[in-house]
Amino acid sequence: MIKGVQKMKWTQGSMGRVFVLRLVDGEILHEVIERFASDKKIKAGAVIAVGAADSGSRFVVGPRRSEERPVRPMENRLADVRELAGVGTLFPDENGRPVLHMHAAAGRRGRTITGCVRRSVRVWQVMEVVIMEFKKISAVRMPDALLGFSLLEPAPASFMAAPSKHRRRGL
């Protein structure tokens, strides 16, 4: 194992419901998806989005310096309307609220900006979204003090079936 590198973590579940949404002009992509997930009690899932992002939409486009901790993100603001295609995941934070982590590419006339939609991507006219729900998944987004943002923490499938003595200890 390389110094400082942890082993992969994983969990297993199954597919649940599938939702198709049409977002409209002016809606904020991550806010609408997270509110919808909360209303429909979607705990985990995969999300696909296709449509257009309005000018002024903001993307996180990387760290200022790769070795810096905590990470200081850079941001790019769209100067014009762009076609958008994105893919992401939906998992709860430490308080049980669904949080979207989506990266998208937004392009126009051969120029593309790719980044995380978390800062405020505003829909231009229409955006289609597909949410595929996961069931029996034990994973949560937990704050990481070193990096300065939340990381997905999958719990092994065996955790879900663990004896109650483990649950009493808070595991």
Protein backbone atom coordinates (compact mmCIF):
# COMPACT_ATOMS: atom_id res chain seq x y z
CA MET A 1 0.00 0.00 0.00
CA ILE A 2 1.28 3.48 -0.90
CA LYS A 3 1.92 5.70 2.14
CA GLY A 4 -1.18 7.75 2.97
CA VAL A 5 -3.43 5.81 0.59
CA GLN A 6 -6.35 3.92 2.10
CA LYS A 7 -7.92 0.81 0.69
CA MET A 8 -11.19 1.03 -1.22
CA LYS A 9 -14.41 0.84 0.84
CA TRP A 10 -17.61 -0.63 -0.50
CA THR A 11 -21.14 -1.75 0.21
CA GLN A 12 -23.80 -3.61 -1.75
CA GLY A 13 -27.50 -2.99 -2.25
CA SER A 14 -30.22 -3.28 -4.85
CA MET A 15 -32.19 -1.07 -7.22
CA GLY A 16 -35.33 0.67 -6.05
CA ARG A 17 -37.60 3.17 -7.77
CA VAL A 18 -36.72 5.23 -10.84
CA PHE A 19 -37.86 8.85 -11.15
CA VAL A 20 -37.84 11.13 -14.20
CA LEU A 21 -37.96 14.89 -13.58
CA ARG A 22 -38.20 17.89 -15.86
CA LEU A 23 -36.65 20.95 -14.26
CA VAL A 24 -37.65 24.36 -15.54
CA ASP A 25 -36.02 27.69 -16.24
CA GLY A 26 -34.32 29.26 -13.23
CA GLU A 27 -34.33 26.25 -10.90
CA ILE A 28 -31.07 25.40 -9.11
CA LEU A 29 -30.07 21.85 -10.06
CA HIS A 30 -28.75 20.49 -6.75
CA GLU A 31 -31.42 22.21 -4.65
CA VAL A 32 -34.31 20.73 -6.65
CA ILE A 33 -32.84 17.22 -6.65
CA GLU A 34 -32.05 17.25 -2.92
CA ARG A 35 -35.52 18.60 -2.05
CA PHE A 36 -37.19 16.01 -4.29
CA ALA A 37 -35.10 13.21 -2.74
CA SER A 38 -36.06 14.36 0.73
CA ASP A 39 -39.77 14.58 -0.17
CA LYS A 40 -39.75 11.09 -1.75
CA LYS A 41 -37.57 9.63 1.02
CA ILE A 42 -34.80 8.63 -1.39
CA LYS A 43 -31.81 7.76 0.80
CA ALA A 44 -29.33 6.85 -1.95
CA GLY A 45 -29.13 6.79 -5.71
CA ALA A 46 -27.50 7.66 -9.00
CA VAL A 47 -28.47 10.77 -10.93
CA ILE A 48 -28.17 11.70 -14.61
CA ALA A 49 -28.94 15.20 -15.90
CA VAL A 50 -29.13 16.57 -19.45
CA GLY A 51 -30.25 20.01 -20.54
CA ALA A 52 -28.84 23.52 -20.41
CA ALA A 53 -27.15 25.66 -17.76
CA ASP A 54 -27.84 29.40 -17.65
CA SER A 55 -25.22 32.12 -17.67
CA GLY A 56 -24.00 32.89 -14.17
CA SER A 57 -24.09 29.21 -13.17
CA ARG A 58 -21.14 28.34 -10.95
CA PHE A 59 -18.99 25.18 -11.08
CA VAL A 60 -16.26 23.99 -8.73
CA VAL A 61 -13.43 23.28 -11.16
CA GLY A 62 -10.67 21.90 -8.97
CA PRO A 63 -8.38 22.67 -6.07
CA ARG A 64 -6.17 25.75 -6.21
CA ARG A 65 -3.16 23.54 -5.41
CA SER A 66 -3.36 19.75 -5.37
CA GLU A 67 -1.20 19.34 -2.26
CA GLU A 68 -2.93 22.03 -0.15
CA ARG A 69 -4.96 20.90 2.91
CA PRO A 70 -7.67 21.74 3.54
CA VAL A 71 -8.51 21.96 -0.13
CA ARG A 72 -9.40 25.45 -1.39
CA PRO A 73 -11.71 24.98 -4.39
CA MET A 74 -11.57 27.08 -7.55
CA GLU A 75 -14.79 28.22 -9.18
CA ASN A 76 -15.80 29.03 -12.75
CA ARG A 77 -18.88 31.08 -13.57
CA LEU A 78 -20.53 30.61 -16.97
CA ALA A 79 -20.58 33.74 -19.08
CA ASP A 80 -23.21 32.30 -21.42
CA VAL A 81 -25.82 29.56 -21.77
CA ARG A 82 -24.34 26.08 -22.27
CA GLU A 83 -25.49 22.56 -23.03
CA LEU A 84 -25.03 20.34 -19.96
CA ALA A 85 -24.58 16.62 -19.31
CA GLY A 86 -23.94 15.42 -15.77
CA VAL A 87 -23.75 12.30 -13.65
CA GLY A 88 -23.68 11.99 -9.90
CA THR A 89 -24.58 10.20 -6.71
CA LEU A 90 -27.05 10.95 -3.97
CA PHE A 91 -26.28 9.92 -0.39
CA PRO A 92 -27.25 11.29 3.04
CA ASP A 93 -25.01 13.55 5.10
CA GLU A 94 -24.32 12.91 8.79
CA ASN A 95 -27.77 14.38 9.61
CA GLY A 96 -29.62 12.13 7.16
CA ARG A 97 -30.25 14.86 4.53
CA PRO A 98 -29.75 13.77 0.90
CA VAL A 99 -26.72 15.44 -0.71
CA LEU A 100 -26.06 15.43 -4.45
CA HIS A 101 -22.48 15.05 -5.68
CA MET A 102 -22.60 15.61 -9.43
CA HIS A 103 -19.95 16.48 -11.96
CA ALA A 104 -21.10 17.93 -15.25
CA ALA A 105 -19.69 19.18 -18.51
CA ALA A 106 -21.21 22.39 -19.88
CA GLY A 107 -20.23 23.28 -23.44
CA ARG A 108 -20.83 25.78 -26.20
CA ARG A 109 -19.15 26.15 -29.61
CA GLY A 110 -16.27 23.81 -28.83
CA ARG A 111 -15.51 25.20 -25.34
CA THR A 112 -16.36 23.13 -22.28
CA ILE A 113 -16.21 23.69 -18.55
CA THR A 114 -16.32 20.56 -16.41
CA GLY A 115 -16.81 20.57 -12.66
CA CYS A 116 -19.01 19.96 -9.64
CA VAL A 117 -22.50 21.55 -9.72
CA ARG A 118 -22.59 22.15 -5.94
CA ARG A 119 -22.04 25.92 -6.13
CA SER A 120 -25.24 26.74 -8.03
CA VAL A 121 -26.03 25.58 -11.54
CA ARG A 122 -29.17 27.33 -12.77
CA VAL A 123 -31.37 25.62 -15.38
CA TRP A 124 -31.80 27.46 -18.69
CA GLN A 125 -35.27 26.63 -20.05
CA VAL A 126 -35.28 22.88 -19.34
CA MET A 127 -33.25 20.06 -17.85
CA GLU A 128 -34.14 16.38 -17.74
CA VAL A 129 -33.08 14.38 -14.68
CA VAL A 130 -33.23 10.64 -13.99
CA ILE A 131 -32.85 9.42 -10.40
CA MET A 132 -32.24 5.70 -9.87
CA GLU A 133 -32.82 4.81 -6.24
CA PHE A 134 -30.58 2.38 -4.36
CA LYS A 135 -32.05 0.23 -1.59
CA LYS A 136 -30.34 -1.49 1.33
CA ILE A 137 -27.21 0.66 0.97
CA SER A 138 -25.34 1.67 4.09
CA ALA A 139 -23.33 4.79 3.21
CA VAL A 140 -23.13 8.37 4.44
CA ARG A 141 -21.24 11.55 3.50
CA MET A 142 -19.03 12.50 6.46
CA PRO A 143 -16.99 15.68 6.89
CA ASP A 144 -13.24 15.16 6.51
CA ALA A 145 -11.28 17.72 8.54
CA LEU A 146 -8.05 17.23 6.58
CA LEU A 147 -9.56 17.76 3.13
CA GLY A 148 -12.21 20.27 4.22
CA PHE A 149 -15.15 18.58 2.47
CA SER A 150 -17.35 15.52 2.97
CA LEU A 151 -16.39 12.03 1.82
CA LEU A 152 -18.64 9.10 1.06
CA GLU A 153 -18.22 6.43 3.74
CA PRO A 154 -19.70 3.10 2.60
CA ALA A 155 -20.27 0.58 5.37
CA PRO A 156 -19.81 -3.09 4.47
CA ALA A 157 -22.97 -5.05 3.79
CA SER A 158 -22.20 -7.13 6.89
CA PHE A 159 -22.66 -3.95 8.97
CA MET A 160 -26.38 -3.89 8.13
CA ALA A 161 -26.79 -7.43 9.46
CA ALA A 162 -24.48 -6.93 12.43
CA PRO A 163 -25.63 -8.19 15.83
CA SER A 164 -27.39 -5.62 17.97
CA LYS A 165 -24.41 -5.43 20.39
CA HIS A 166 -22.53 -3.51 17.69
CA ARG A 167 -25.38 -1.05 17.25
CA ARG A 168 -25.49 -0.32 20.99
CA ARG A 169 -21.85 0.76 20.82
CA GLY A 170 -22.70 3.15 18.01
CA LEU A 171 -21.12 1.13 15.22
